PDB file of N, CA and C in Angstrom:
ATOM      1  N   UNK A   1      79.212  32.593 -42.874  1.00  0.00           N
ATOM      2  CA  UNK A   1      79.988  31.748 -41.996  1.00  0.00           C
ATOM      3  C   UNK A   1      80.719  30.696 -42.828  1.00  0.00           C
ATOM      4  N   UNK A   2      81.971  30.482 -42.496  1.00  0.00           N
ATOM      5  CA  UNK A   2      82.760  29.472 -43.193  1.00  0.00           C
ATOM      6  C   UNK A   2      82.362  28.079 -42.739  1.00  0.00           C
ATOM      7  N   UNK A   3      82.490  27.128 -43.651  1.00  0.00           N
ATOM      8  CA  UNK A   3      82.240  25.740 -43.297  1.00  0.00           C
ATOM      9  C   UNK A   3      83.321  24.876 -43.930  1.00  0.00           C
ATOM     10  N   UNK A   4      83.514  23.723 -43.388  1.00  0.00           N
ATOM     11  CA  UNK A   4      84.504  22.786 -43.928  1.00  0.00           C
ATOM     12  C   UNK A   4      83.992  22.203 -45.242  1.00  0.00           C
ATOM     13  N   UNK A   5      84.930  21.916 -46.129  1.00  0.00           N
ATOM     14  CA  UNK A   5      84.565  21.254 -47.380  1.00  0.00           C
ATOM     15  C   UNK A   5      84.148  19.817 -47.108  1.00  0.00           C
ATOM     16  N   UNK A   6      83.234  19.333 -47.929  1.00  0.00           N
ATOM     17  CA  UNK A   6      82.925  17.907 -47.874  1.00  0.00           C
ATOM     18  C   UNK A   6      84.032  17.172 -48.628  1.00  0.00           C
ATOM     19  N   UNK A   7      84.191  15.883 -48.382  1.00  0.00           N
ATOM     20  CA  UNK A   7      85.194  15.129 -49.143  1.00  0.00           C
ATOM     21  C   UNK A   7      84.994  15.239 -50.657  1.00  0.00           C
ATOM     22  N   UNK A   8      83.752  15.216 -51.120  1.00  0.00           N
ATOM     23  CA  UNK A   8      83.482  15.323 -52.561  1.00  0.00           C
ATOM     24  C   UNK A   8      83.903  16.692 -53.096  1.00  0.00           C
ATOM     25  N   UNK A   9      83.634  17.755 -52.340  1.00  0.00           N
ATOM     26  CA  UNK A   9      84.044  19.097 -52.765  1.00  0.00           C
ATOM     27  C   UNK A   9      85.562  19.215 -52.810  1.00  0.00           C
ATOM     28  N   UNK A  10      86.230  18.675 -51.802  1.00  0.00           N
ATOM     29  CA  UNK A  10      87.695  18.719 -51.774  1.00  0.00           C
ATOM     30  C   UNK A  10      88.274  17.961 -52.963  1.00  0.00           C
ATOM     31  N   UNK A  11      87.721  16.789 -53.254  1.00  0.00           N
ATOM     32  CA  UNK A  11      88.206  15.995 -54.387  1.00  0.00           C
ATOM     33  C   UNK A  11      88.012  16.737 -55.707  1.00  0.00           C
ATOM     34  N   UNK A  12      86.875  17.410 -55.872  1.00  0.00           N
ATOM     35  CA  UNK A  12      86.619  18.175 -57.095  1.00  0.00           C
ATOM     36  C   UNK A  12      87.619  19.320 -57.241  1.00  0.00           C
ATOM     37  N   UNK A  13      87.934  20.003 -56.154  1.00  0.00           N
ATOM     38  CA  UNK A  13      88.907  21.098 -56.206  1.00  0.00           C
ATOM     39  C   UNK A  13      90.307  20.588 -56.529  1.00  0.00           C
ATOM     40  N   UNK A  14      90.689  19.461 -55.942  1.00  0.00           N
ATOM     41  CA  UNK A  14      92.004  18.882 -56.223  1.00  0.00           C
ATOM     42  C   UNK A  14      92.095  18.495 -57.695  1.00  0.00           C
ATOM     43  N   UNK A  15      91.038  17.900 -58.237  1.00  0.00           N
ATOM     44  CA  UNK A  15      91.043  17.508 -59.653  1.00  0.00           C
ATOM     45  C   UNK A  15      91.097  18.738 -60.559  1.00  0.00           C
ATOM     46  N   UNK A  16      90.379  19.795 -60.207  1.00  0.00           N
ATOM     47  CA  UNK A  16      90.423  21.034 -60.995  1.00  0.00           C
ATOM     48  C   UNK A  16      91.829  21.634 -60.986  1.00  0.00           C
ATOM     49  N   UNK A  17      92.473  21.622 -59.829  1.00  0.00           N
ATOM     50  CA  UNK A  17      93.849  22.132 -59.742  1.00  0.00           C
ATOM     51  C   UNK A  17      94.790  21.284 -60.592  1.00  0.00           C
ATOM     52  N   UNK A  18      94.621  19.963 -60.563  1.00  0.00           N
ATOM     53  CA  UNK A  18      95.470  19.071 -61.360  1.00  0.00           C
ATOM     54  C   UNK A  18      95.273  19.324 -62.852  1.00  0.00           C
ATOM     55  N   UNK A  19      94.029  19.486 -63.276  1.00  0.00           N
ATOM     56  CA  UNK A  19      93.744  19.770 -64.690  1.00  0.00           C
ATOM     57  C   UNK A  19      94.362  21.097 -65.108  1.00  0.00           C
ATOM     58  N   UNK A  20      94.271  22.099 -64.258  1.00  0.00           N
ATOM     59  CA  UNK A  20      94.857  23.410 -64.561  1.00  0.00           C
ATOM     60  C   UNK A  20      96.372  23.308 -64.684  1.00  0.00           C
ATOM     61  N   UNK A  21      97.006  22.595 -63.770  1.00  0.00           N
ATOM     62  CA  UNK A  21      98.462  22.422 -63.826  1.00  0.00           C
ATOM     63  C   UNK A  21      98.868  21.696 -65.108  1.00  0.00           C
ATOM     64  N   UNK A  22      98.153  20.627 -65.447  1.00  0.00           N
ATOM     65  CA  UNK A  22      98.474  19.885 -66.686  1.00  0.00           C
ATOM     66  C   UNK A  22      98.283  20.769 -67.915  1.00  0.00           C
ATOM     67  N   UNK A  23      97.228  21.586 -67.924  1.00  0.00           N
ATOM     68  CA  UNK A  23      96.979  22.490 -69.055  1.00  0.00           C
ATOM     69  C   UNK A  23      98.102  23.509 -69.212  1.00  0.00           C
ATOM     70  N   UNK A  24      98.800  23.818 -68.121  1.00  0.00           N
ATOM     71  CA  UNK A  24      99.926  24.754 -68.156  1.00  0.00           C
ATOM     72  C   UNK A  24     101.238  24.041 -68.483  1.00  0.00           C
ATOM     73  N   UNK A  25     101.170  22.734 -68.759  1.00  0.00           N
ATOM     74  CA  UNK A  25     102.376  21.983 -69.095  1.00  0.00           C
ATOM     75  C   UNK A  25     103.122  21.445 -67.892  1.00  0.00           C
ATOM     76  N   UNK A  26     102.528  21.546 -66.719  1.00  0.00           N
ATOM     77  CA  UNK A  26     103.187  21.058 -65.507  1.00  0.00           C
ATOM     78  C   UNK A  26     102.878  19.581 -65.291  1.00  0.00           C
ATOM     79  N   UNK A  27     103.807  18.918 -64.640  1.00  0.00           N
ATOM     80  CA  UNK A  27     103.678  17.492 -64.346  1.00  0.00           C
ATOM     81  C   UNK A  27     103.884  17.269 -62.843  1.00  0.00           C
ATOM     82  N   UNK A  28     103.214  16.262 -62.274  1.00  0.00           N
ATOM     83  CA  UNK A  28     103.431  15.982 -60.847  1.00  0.00           C
ATOM     84  C   UNK A  28     104.845  15.474 -60.610  1.00  0.00           C
ATOM     85  N   UNK A  29     105.458  15.918 -59.525  1.00  0.00           N
ATOM     86  CA  UNK A  29     106.808  15.446 -59.214  1.00  0.00           C
ATOM     87  C   UNK A  29     106.973  15.023 -57.757  1.00  0.00           C
ATOM     88  N   UNK A  30     106.009  15.256 -56.916  1.00  0.00           N
ATOM     89  CA  UNK A  30     106.023  14.656 -55.580  1.00  0.00           C
ATOM     90  C   UNK A  30     104.598  14.446 -55.115  1.00  0.00           C
ATOM     91  N   UNK A  31     104.448  13.486 -54.232  1.00  0.00           N
ATOM     92  CA  UNK A  31     103.161  13.192 -53.626  1.00  0.00           C
ATOM     93  C   UNK A  31     103.391  13.007 -52.137  1.00  0.00           C
ATOM     94  N   UNK A  32     102.594  13.669 -51.348  1.00  0.00           N
ATOM     95  CA  UNK A  32     102.741  13.608 -49.897  1.00  0.00           C
ATOM     96  C   UNK A  32     101.376  13.322 -49.297  1.00  0.00           C
ATOM     97  N   UNK A  33     101.259  12.239 -48.619  1.00  0.00           N
ATOM     98  CA  UNK A  33      99.991  11.911 -47.959  1.00  0.00           C
ATOM     99  C   UNK A  33      99.941  12.617 -46.607  1.00  0.00           C
ATOM    100  N   UNK A  34      98.888  13.397 -46.423  1.00  0.00           N
ATOM    101  CA  UNK A  34      98.757  14.170 -45.198  1.00  0.00           C
ATOM    102  C   UNK A  34      97.758  13.511 -44.253  1.00  0.00           C
ATOM    103  N   UNK A  35      98.090  13.511 -42.983  1.00  0.00           N
ATOM    104  CA  UNK A  35      97.166  12.997 -41.980  1.00  0.00           C
ATOM    105  C   UNK A  35      96.016  13.983 -41.809  1.00  0.00           C
ATOM    106  N   UNK A  36      94.871  13.450 -41.564  1.00  0.00           N
ATOM    107  CA  UNK A  36      93.686  14.248 -41.239  1.00  0.00           C
ATOM    108  C   UNK A  36      93.284  15.194 -42.371  1.00  0.00           C
ATOM    109  N   UNK A  37      93.551  14.828 -43.610  1.00  0.00           N
ATOM    110  CA  UNK A  37      93.184  15.631 -44.774  1.00  0.00           C
ATOM    111  C   UNK A  37      91.744  15.292 -45.168  1.00  0.00           C
ATOM    112  N   UNK A  38      90.955  16.299 -45.501  1.00  0.00           N
ATOM    113  CA  UNK A  38      89.577  16.067 -45.927  1.00  0.00           C
ATOM    114  C   UNK A  38      89.584  15.103 -47.109  1.00  0.00           C
ATOM    115  N   UNK A  39      88.781  14.075 -47.027  1.00  0.00           N
ATOM    116  CA  UNK A  39      88.684  13.118 -48.120  1.00  0.00           C
ATOM    117  C   UNK A  39      89.890  12.203 -48.247  1.00  0.00           C
ATOM    118  N   UNK A  40      90.783  12.228 -47.273  1.00  0.00           N
ATOM    119  CA  UNK A  40      92.020  11.416 -47.328  1.00  0.00           C
ATOM    120  C   UNK A  40      92.799  11.656 -48.619  1.00  0.00           C
ATOM    121  N   UNK A  41      92.800  12.892 -49.066  1.00  0.00           N
ATOM    122  CA  UNK A  41      93.504  13.253 -50.301  1.00  0.00           C
ATOM    123  C   UNK A  41      94.982  13.460 -50.014  1.00  0.00           C
ATOM    124  N   UNK A  42      95.754  13.644 -51.056  1.00  0.00           N
ATOM    125  CA  UNK A  42      97.183  13.865 -50.902  1.00  0.00           C
ATOM    126  C   UNK A  42      97.576  15.236 -51.448  1.00  0.00           C
ATOM    127  N   UNK A  43      98.746  15.667 -51.061  1.00  0.00           N
ATOM    128  CA  UNK A  43      99.335  16.915 -51.532  1.00  0.00           C
ATOM    129  C   UNK A  43     100.267  16.547 -52.687  1.00  0.00           C
ATOM    130  N   UNK A  44      99.980  17.050 -53.870  1.00  0.00           N
ATOM    131  CA  UNK A  44     100.793  16.749 -55.049  1.00  0.00           C
ATOM    132  C   UNK A  44     101.445  18.039 -55.525  1.00  0.00           C
ATOM    133  N   UNK A  45     102.749  17.984 -55.750  1.00  0.00           N
ATOM    134  CA  UNK A  45     103.473  19.142 -56.270  1.00  0.00           C
ATOM    135  C   UNK A  45     103.603  19.038 -57.782  1.00  0.00           C
ATOM    136  N   UNK A  46     103.322  20.115 -58.479  1.00  0.00           N
ATOM    137  CA  UNK A  46     103.427  20.168 -59.939  1.00  0.00           C
ATOM    138  C   UNK A  46     104.500  21.168 -60.328  1.00  0.00           C
ATOM    139  N   UNK A  47     105.165  20.899 -61.436  1.00  0.00           N
ATOM    140  CA  UNK A  47     106.178  21.825 -61.960  1.00  0.00           C
ATOM    141  C   UNK A  47     106.364  21.556 -63.443  1.00  0.00           C
ATOM    142  N   UNK A  48     106.906  22.553 -64.124  1.00  0.00           N
ATOM    143  CA  UNK A  48     107.303  22.341 -65.515  1.00  0.00           C
ATOM    144  C   UNK A  48     108.469  21.361 -65.535  1.00  0.00           C
ATOM    145  N   UNK A  49     108.570  20.515 -66.557  1.00  0.00           N
ATOM    146  CA  UNK A  49     109.697  19.577 -66.627  1.00  0.00           C
ATOM    147  C   UNK A  49     111.034  20.316 -66.501  1.00  0.00           C
ATOM    148  N   UNK A  50     111.900  19.806 -65.637  1.00  0.00           N
ATOM    149  CA  UNK A  50     113.208  20.417 -65.402  1.00  0.00           C
ATOM    150  C   UNK A  50     113.194  21.551 -64.395  1.00  0.00           C
ATOM    151  N   UNK A  51     112.033  21.911 -63.878  1.00  0.00           N
ATOM    152  CA  UNK A  51     111.910  23.024 -62.925  1.00  0.00           C
ATOM    153  C   UNK A  51     111.435  22.558 -61.550  1.00  0.00           C
ATOM    154  N   UNK A  52     111.562  21.279 -61.268  1.00  0.00           N
ATOM    155  CA  UNK A  52     111.131  20.737 -59.988  1.00  0.00           C
ATOM    156  C   UNK A  52     111.960  21.351 -58.861  1.00  0.00           C
ATOM    157  N   UNK A  53     111.342  21.499 -57.709  1.00  0.00           N
ATOM    158  CA  UNK A  53     112.007  22.115 -56.558  1.00  0.00           C
ATOM    159  C   UNK A  53     112.688  21.055 -55.698  1.00  0.00           C
ATOM    160  N   UNK A  54     114.013  21.070 -55.678  1.00  0.00           N
ATOM    161  CA  UNK A  54     114.760  20.148 -54.832  1.00  0.00           C
ATOM    162  C   UNK A  54     114.386  20.357 -53.365  1.00  0.00           C
ATOM    163  N   UNK A  55     114.178  21.604 -52.971  1.00  0.00           N
ATOM    164  CA  UNK A  55     113.780  21.905 -51.591  1.00  0.00           C
ATOM    165  C   UNK A  55     112.502  21.143 -51.224  1.00  0.00           C
ATOM    166  N   UNK A  56     111.478  21.222 -52.083  1.00  0.00           N
ATOM    167  CA  UNK A  56     110.223  20.529 -51.792  1.00  0.00           C
ATOM    168  C   UNK A  56     110.433  19.026 -51.674  1.00  0.00           C
ATOM    169  N   UNK A  57     111.222  18.463 -52.571  1.00  0.00           N
ATOM    170  CA  UNK A  57     111.480  17.023 -52.534  1.00  0.00           C
ATOM    171  C   UNK A  57     112.185  16.655 -51.235  1.00  0.00           C
ATOM    172  N   UNK A  58     113.206  17.417 -50.867  1.00  0.00           N
ATOM    173  CA  UNK A  58     113.940  17.140 -49.629  1.00  0.00           C
ATOM    174  C   UNK A  58     113.022  17.233 -48.407  1.00  0.00           C
ATOM    175  N   UNK A  59     112.164  18.229 -48.384  1.00  0.00           N
ATOM    176  CA  UNK A  59     111.257  18.405 -47.250  1.00  0.00           C
ATOM    177  C   UNK A  59     110.241  17.267 -47.174  1.00  0.00           C
ATOM    178  N   UNK A  60     109.663  16.888 -48.299  1.00  0.00           N
ATOM    179  CA  UNK A  60     108.663  15.822 -48.307  1.00  0.00           C
ATOM    180  C   UNK A  60     109.273  14.474 -47.926  1.00  0.00           C
ATOM    181  N   UNK A  61     110.496  14.259 -48.321  1.00  0.00           N
ATOM    182  CA  UNK A  61     111.187  13.002 -48.017  1.00  0.00           C
ATOM    183  C   UNK A  61     111.887  13.031 -46.653  1.00  0.00           C
ATOM    184  N   UNK A  62     111.794  14.150 -45.977  1.00  0.00           N
ATOM    185  CA  UNK A  62     112.466  14.356 -44.686  1.00  0.00           C
ATOM    186  C   UNK A  62     113.957  14.049 -44.783  1.00  0.00           C
ATOM    187  N   UNK A  63     114.600  14.657 -45.763  1.00  0.00           N
ATOM    188  CA  UNK A  63     116.040  14.495 -45.974  1.00  0.00           C
ATOM    189  C   UNK A  63     116.759  15.831 -45.840  1.00  0.00           C
ATOM    190  N   UNK A  64     116.221  16.702 -44.984  1.00  0.00           N
ATOM    191  CA  UNK A  64     116.745  18.051 -44.847  1.00  0.00           C
ATOM    192  C   UNK A  64     116.681  18.477 -43.390  1.00  0.00           C
ATOM    193  N   UNK A  65     117.754  19.037 -42.888  1.00  0.00           N
ATOM    194  CA  UNK A  65     117.736  19.594 -41.538  1.00  0.00           C
ATOM    195  C   UNK A  65     116.902  20.869 -41.533  1.00  0.00           C
ATOM    196  N   UNK A  66     116.052  20.995 -40.523  1.00  0.00           N
ATOM    197  CA  UNK A  66     115.209  22.176 -40.348  1.00  0.00           C
ATOM    198  C   UNK A  66     115.362  22.621 -38.900  1.00  0.00           C
ATOM    199  N   UNK A  67     115.599  23.894 -38.693  1.00  0.00           N
ATOM    200  CA  UNK A  67     115.744  24.423 -37.340  1.00  0.00           C
ATOM    201  C   UNK A  67     114.425  25.075 -36.943  1.00  0.00           C
ATOM    202  N   UNK A  68     113.757  24.485 -35.951  1.00  0.00           N
ATOM    203  CA  UNK A  68     112.485  25.015 -35.476  1.00  0.00           C
ATOM    204  C   UNK A  68     112.716  26.049 -34.385  1.00  0.00           C
ATOM    205  N   UNK A  69     112.234  27.264 -34.605  1.00  0.00           N
ATOM    206  CA  UNK A  69     112.360  28.350 -33.629  1.00  0.00           C
ATOM    207  C   UNK A  69     110.971  28.805 -33.221  1.00  0.00           C
ATOM    208  N   UNK A  70     110.786  29.067 -31.949  1.00  0.00           N
ATOM    209  CA  UNK A  70     109.494  29.525 -31.463  1.00  0.00           C
ATOM    210  C   UNK A  70     108.759  28.427 -30.714  1.00  0.00           C
ATOM    211  N   UNK A  71     107.753  28.847 -29.967  1.00  0.00           N
ATOM    212  CA  UNK A  71     106.975  27.903 -29.188  1.00  0.00           C
ATOM    213  C   UNK A  71     106.290  26.867 -30.060  1.00  0.00           C
ATOM    214  N   UNK A  72     106.451  25.593 -29.698  1.00  0.00           N
ATOM    215  CA  UNK A  72     105.817  24.503 -30.427  1.00  0.00           C
ATOM    216  C   UNK A  72     106.495  24.100 -31.722  1.00  0.00           C
ATOM    217  N   UNK A  73     107.521  24.833 -32.129  1.00  0.00           N
ATOM    218  CA  UNK A  73     108.213  24.512 -33.384  1.00  0.00           C
ATOM    219  C   UNK A  73     109.018  23.222 -33.227  1.00  0.00           C
ATOM    220  N   UNK A  74     109.109  22.463 -34.303  1.00  0.00           N
ATOM    221  CA  UNK A  74     109.867  21.218 -34.302  1.00  0.00           C
ATOM    222  C   UNK A  74     111.085  21.359 -35.200  1.00  0.00           C
ATOM    223  N   UNK A  75     112.235  21.006 -34.673  1.00  0.00           N
ATOM    224  CA  UNK A  75     113.449  20.918 -35.488  1.00  0.00           C
ATOM    225  C   UNK A  75     113.509  19.518 -36.072  1.00  0.00           C
ATOM    226  N   UNK A  76     114.174  19.380 -37.199  1.00  0.00           N
ATOM    227  CA  UNK A  76     114.432  18.059 -37.772  1.00  0.00           C
ATOM    228  C   UNK A  76     115.916  17.995 -38.072  1.00  0.00           C
ATOM    229  N   UNK A  77     116.598  17.096 -37.390  1.00  0.00           N
ATOM    230  CA  UNK A  77     118.037  16.936 -37.557  1.00  0.00           C
ATOM    231  C   UNK A  77     118.283  15.714 -38.429  1.00  0.00           C
ATOM    232  N   UNK A  78     118.700  15.940 -39.665  1.00  0.00           N
ATOM    233  CA  UNK A  78     118.939  14.873 -40.638  1.00  0.00           C
ATOM    234  C   UNK A  78     120.425  14.559 -40.684  1.00  0.00           C
ATOM    235  N   UNK A  79     120.754  13.282 -40.491  1.00  0.00           N
ATOM    236  CA  UNK A  79     122.160  12.879 -40.488  1.00  0.00           C
ATOM    237  C   UNK A  79     122.345  11.634 -41.350  1.00  0.00           C
ATOM    238  N   UNK A  80     123.022  11.767 -42.515  1.00  0.00           N
ATOM    239  CA  UNK A  80     123.346  10.581 -43.312  1.00  0.00           C
ATOM    240  C   UNK A  80     124.319   9.697 -42.529  1.00  0.00           C
ATOM    241  N   UNK A  81     124.135   8.388 -42.585  1.00  0.00           N
ATOM    242  CA  UNK A  81     124.983   7.465 -41.836  1.00  0.00           C
ATOM    243  C   UNK A  81     126.082   6.843 -42.686  1.00  0.00           C
ATOM    244  N   UNK A  82     126.176   7.224 -43.925  1.00  0.00           N
ATOM    245  CA  UNK A  82     127.220   6.676 -44.786  1.00  0.00           C
ATOM    246  C   UNK A  82     126.629   5.813 -45.891  1.00  0.00           C
ATOM    247  N   UNK A  83     127.427   5.553 -46.885  1.00  0.00           N
ATOM    248  CA  UNK A  83     127.005   4.803 -48.068  1.00  0.00           C
ATOM    249  C   UNK A  83     126.310   3.494 -47.697  1.00  0.00           C
ATOM    250  N   UNK A  84     125.069   3.357 -48.136  1.00  0.00           N
ATOM    251  CA  UNK A  84     124.320   2.134 -47.919  1.00  0.00           C
ATOM    252  C   UNK A  84     123.816   1.913 -46.501  1.00  0.00           C
ATOM    253  N   UNK A  85     124.039   2.873 -45.619  1.00  0.00           N
ATOM    254  CA  UNK A  85     123.647   2.698 -44.214  1.00  0.00           C
ATOM    255  C   UNK A  85     122.420   3.520 -43.829  1.00  0.00           C
ATOM    256  N   UNK A  86     121.880   4.266 -44.775  1.00  0.00           N
ATOM    257  CA  UNK A  86     120.674   5.035 -44.485  1.00  0.00           C
ATOM    258  C   UNK A  86     120.950   6.366 -43.812  1.00  0.00           C
ATOM    259  N   UNK A  87     120.026   6.767 -42.961  1.00  0.00           N
ATOM    260  CA  UNK A  87     120.123   8.061 -42.301  1.00  0.00           C
ATOM    261  C   UNK A  87     119.438   7.985 -40.942  1.00  0.00           C
ATOM    262  N   UNK A  88     119.650   9.031 -40.169  1.00  0.00           N
ATOM    263  CA  UNK A  88     119.016   9.175 -38.860  1.00  0.00           C
ATOM    264  C   UNK A  88     118.267  10.499 -38.860  1.00  0.00           C
ATOM    265  N   UNK A  89     117.070  10.503 -38.317  1.00  0.00           N
ATOM    266  CA  UNK A  89     116.287  11.729 -38.219  1.00  0.00           C
ATOM    267  C   UNK A  89     115.793  11.868 -36.784  1.00  0.00           C
ATOM    268  N   UNK A  90     116.166  12.984 -36.168  1.00  0.00           N
ATOM    269  CA  UNK A  90     115.658  13.320 -34.834  1.00  0.00           C
ATOM    270  C   UNK A  90     114.764  14.542 -35.000  1.00  0.00           C
ATOM    271  N   UNK A  91     113.662  14.576 -34.244  1.00  0.00           N
ATOM    272  CA  UNK A  91     112.720  15.684 -34.395  1.00  0.00           C
ATOM    273  C   UNK A  91     112.235  16.187 -33.034  1.00  0.00           C
ATOM    274  N   UNK A  92     113.112  16.886 -32.289  1.00  0.00           N
ATOM    275  CA  UNK A  92     112.687  17.433 -30.996  1.00  0.00           C
ATOM    276  C   UNK A  92     111.819  18.683 -31.180  1.00  0.00           C
ATOM    277  N   UNK A  93     110.803  18.792 -30.341  1.00  0.00           N
ATOM    278  CA  UNK A  93     109.894  19.945 -30.412  1.00  0.00           C
ATOM    279  C   UNK A  93     110.148  20.895 -29.251  1.00  0.00           C
ATOM    280  N   UNK A  94     109.978  22.177 -29.506  1.00  0.00           N
ATOM    281  CA  UNK A  94     110.033  23.186 -28.451  1.00  0.00           C
ATOM    282  C   UNK A  94     108.744  23.109 -27.629  1.00  0.00           C
ATOM    283  N   UNK A  95     108.784  23.553 -26.376  1.00  0.00           N
ATOM    284  CA  UNK A  95     107.558  23.568 -25.566  1.00  0.00           C
ATOM    285  C   UNK A  95     106.482  24.436 -26.227  1.00  0.00           C
ATOM    286  N   UNK A  96     105.242  23.984 -26.120  1.00  0.00           N
ATOM    287  CA  UNK A  96     104.139  24.772 -26.684  1.00  0.00           C
ATOM    288  C   UNK A  96     103.638  25.832 -25.703  1.00  0.00           C
ATOM    289  N   UNK A  97     103.823  25.578 -24.427  1.00  0.00           N
ATOM    290  CA  UNK A  97     103.401  26.539 -23.407  1.00  0.00           C
ATOM    291  C   UNK A  97     104.322  27.761 -23.453  1.00  0.00           C
ATOM    292  N   UNK A  98     103.772  28.961 -23.643  1.00  0.00           N
ATOM    293  CA  UNK A  98     104.613  30.156 -23.766  1.00  0.00           C
ATOM    294  C   UNK A  98     105.568  30.363 -22.594  1.00  0.00           C
ATOM    295  N   UNK A  99     105.088  30.191 -21.377  1.00  0.00           N
ATOM    296  CA  UNK A  99     105.953  30.402 -20.210  1.00  0.00           C
ATOM    297  C   UNK A  99     107.104  29.390 -20.207  1.00  0.00           C
ATOM    298  N   UNK A 100     106.802  28.127 -20.451  1.00  0.00           N
ATOM    299  CA  UNK A 100     107.844  27.088 -20.476  1.00  0.00           C
ATOM    300  C   UNK A 100     108.854  27.372 -21.582  1.00  0.00           C
ATOM    301  N   UNK A 101     108.364  27.844 -22.723  1.00  0.00           N
ATOM    302  CA  UNK A 101     109.277  28.152 -23.825  1.00  0.00           C
ATOM    303  C   UNK A 101     110.216  29.301 -23.443  1.00  0.00           C
ATOM    304  N   UNK A 102     109.657  30.377 -22.906  1.00  0.00           N
ATOM    305  CA  UNK A 102     110.466  31.541 -22.534  1.00  0.00           C
ATOM    306  C   UNK A 102     111.484  31.174 -21.457  1.00  0.00           C
ATOM    307  N   UNK A 103     111.074  30.358 -20.496  1.00  0.00           N
ATOM    308  CA  UNK A 103     111.996  29.954 -19.434  1.00  0.00           C
ATOM    309  C   UNK A 103     113.161  29.116 -19.960  1.00  0.00           C
ATOM    310  N   UNK A 104     112.961  28.414 -21.066  1.00  0.00           N
ATOM    311  CA  UNK A 104     113.987  27.502 -21.582  1.00  0.00           C
ATOM    312  C   UNK A 104     114.626  27.966 -22.890  1.00  0.00           C
ATOM    313  N   UNK A 105     114.283  29.153 -23.365  1.00  0.00           N
ATOM    314  CA  UNK A 105     114.714  29.570 -24.697  1.00  0.00           C
ATOM    315  C   UNK A 105     116.237  29.538 -24.867  1.00  0.00           C
ATOM    316  N   UNK A 106     116.983  29.974 -23.863  1.00  0.00           N
ATOM    317  CA  UNK A 106     118.449  29.972 -23.992  1.00  0.00           C
ATOM    318  C   UNK A 106     118.997  28.551 -24.054  1.00  0.00           C
ATOM    319  N   UNK A 107     118.483  27.674 -23.204  1.00  0.00           N
ATOM    320  CA  UNK A 107     118.898  26.265 -23.231  1.00  0.00           C
ATOM    321  C   UNK A 107     118.567  25.633 -24.590  1.00  0.00           C
ATOM    322  N   UNK A 108     117.367  25.900 -25.097  1.00  0.00           N
ATOM    323  CA  UNK A 108     116.955  25.341 -26.389  1.00  0.00           C
ATOM    324  C   UNK A 108     117.859  25.837 -27.509  1.00  0.00           C
ATOM    325  N   UNK A 109     118.209  27.122 -27.469  1.00  0.00           N
ATOM    326  CA  UNK A 109     119.107  27.683 -28.488  1.00  0.00           C
ATOM    327  C   UNK A 109     120.484  27.032 -28.408  1.00  0.00           C
ATOM    328  N   UNK A 110     121.006  26.852 -27.188  1.00  0.00           N
ATOM    329  CA  UNK A 110     122.314  26.187 -27.026  1.00  0.00           C
ATOM    330  C   UNK A 110     122.285  24.768 -27.594  1.00  0.00           C
ATOM    331  N   UNK A 111     121.206  24.049 -27.342  1.00  0.00           N
ATOM    332  CA  UNK A 111     121.088  22.682 -27.867  1.00  0.00           C
ATOM    333  C   UNK A 111     121.069  22.668 -29.394  1.00  0.00           C
ATOM    334  N   UNK A 112     120.393  23.639 -29.987  1.00  0.00           N
ATOM    335  CA  UNK A 112     120.339  23.706 -31.453  1.00  0.00           C
ATOM    336  C   UNK A 112     121.724  24.002 -32.032  1.00  0.00           C
ATOM    337  N   UNK A 113     122.435  24.927 -31.416  1.00  0.00           N
ATOM    338  CA  UNK A 113     123.797  25.239 -31.871  1.00  0.00           C
ATOM    339  C   UNK A 113     124.687  24.011 -31.729  1.00  0.00           C
ATOM    340  N   UNK A 114     124.582  23.304 -30.606  1.00  0.00           N
ATOM    341  CA  UNK A 114     125.394  22.095 -30.395  1.00  0.00           C
ATOM    342  C   UNK A 114     125.069  21.032 -31.442  1.00  0.00           C
ATOM    343  N   UNK A 115     123.805  20.857 -31.752  1.00  0.00           N
ATOM    344  CA  UNK A 115     123.402  19.863 -32.763  1.00  0.00           C
ATOM    345  C   UNK A 115     123.940  20.248 -34.139  1.00  0.00           C
ATOM    346  N   UNK A 116     123.868  21.527 -34.469  1.00  0.00           N
ATOM    347  CA  UNK A 116     124.418  21.990 -35.751  1.00  0.00           C
ATOM    348  C   UNK A 116     125.914  21.735 -35.834  1.00  0.00           C
ATOM    349  N   UNK A 117     126.623  21.982 -34.742  1.00  0.00           N
ATOM    350  CA  UNK A 117     128.073  21.732 -34.731  1.00  0.00           C
ATOM    351  C   UNK A 117     128.374  20.249 -34.904  1.00  0.00           C
ATOM    352  N   UNK A 118     127.582  19.388 -34.285  1.00  0.00           N
ATOM    353  CA  UNK A 118     127.778  17.945 -34.454  1.00  0.00           C
ATOM    354  C   UNK A 118     127.565  17.520 -35.909  1.00  0.00           C
ATOM    355  N   UNK A 119     126.546  18.083 -36.524  1.00  0.00           N
ATOM    356  CA  UNK A 119     126.209  17.700 -37.895  1.00  0.00           C
ATOM    357  C   UNK A 119     127.145  18.299 -38.934  1.00  0.00           C
ATOM    358  N   UNK A 120     127.524  19.565 -38.734  1.00  0.00           N
ATOM    359  CA  UNK A 120     128.235  20.302 -39.778  1.00  0.00           C
ATOM    360  C   UNK A 120     129.605  20.817 -39.369  1.00  0.00           C
ATOM    361  N   UNK A 121     130.010  20.599 -38.135  1.00  0.00           N
ATOM    362  CA  UNK A 121     131.302  21.111 -37.682  1.00  0.00           C
ATOM    363  C   UNK A 121     131.208  22.560 -37.262  1.00  0.00           C
ATOM    364  N   UNK A 122     132.343  23.080 -36.780  1.00  0.00           N
ATOM    365  CA  UNK A 122     132.400  24.478 -36.323  1.00  0.00           C
ATOM    366  C   UNK A 122     132.104  25.326 -37.494  1.00  0.00           C
TER     367      UNK A 122
END
């Protein structure tokens, strides 16, 4: 039977992974604190110098539009507001109830297309 890790076990595994990454020449390039993580640990991304993933950085910093499809999925609409003015992030979620999602799927798709057109044009 599977069991949850204790905080001490989780911390030991995270440290072992970090040591392995460093031994391979990788360096940390992002840190993401996750809610409800065993031991209140963080998610750290490692990469070889010069090989960092821009995608991962954008996702962790919430600076990327994401289109959520399917029941319970969340879209993230990222909109820069101009030089020195910051950005706006909207994160509407699809219904989690299967029946409600199916009943509204066409409306939800239309809204996503409309949001994309607002952000990126035709």
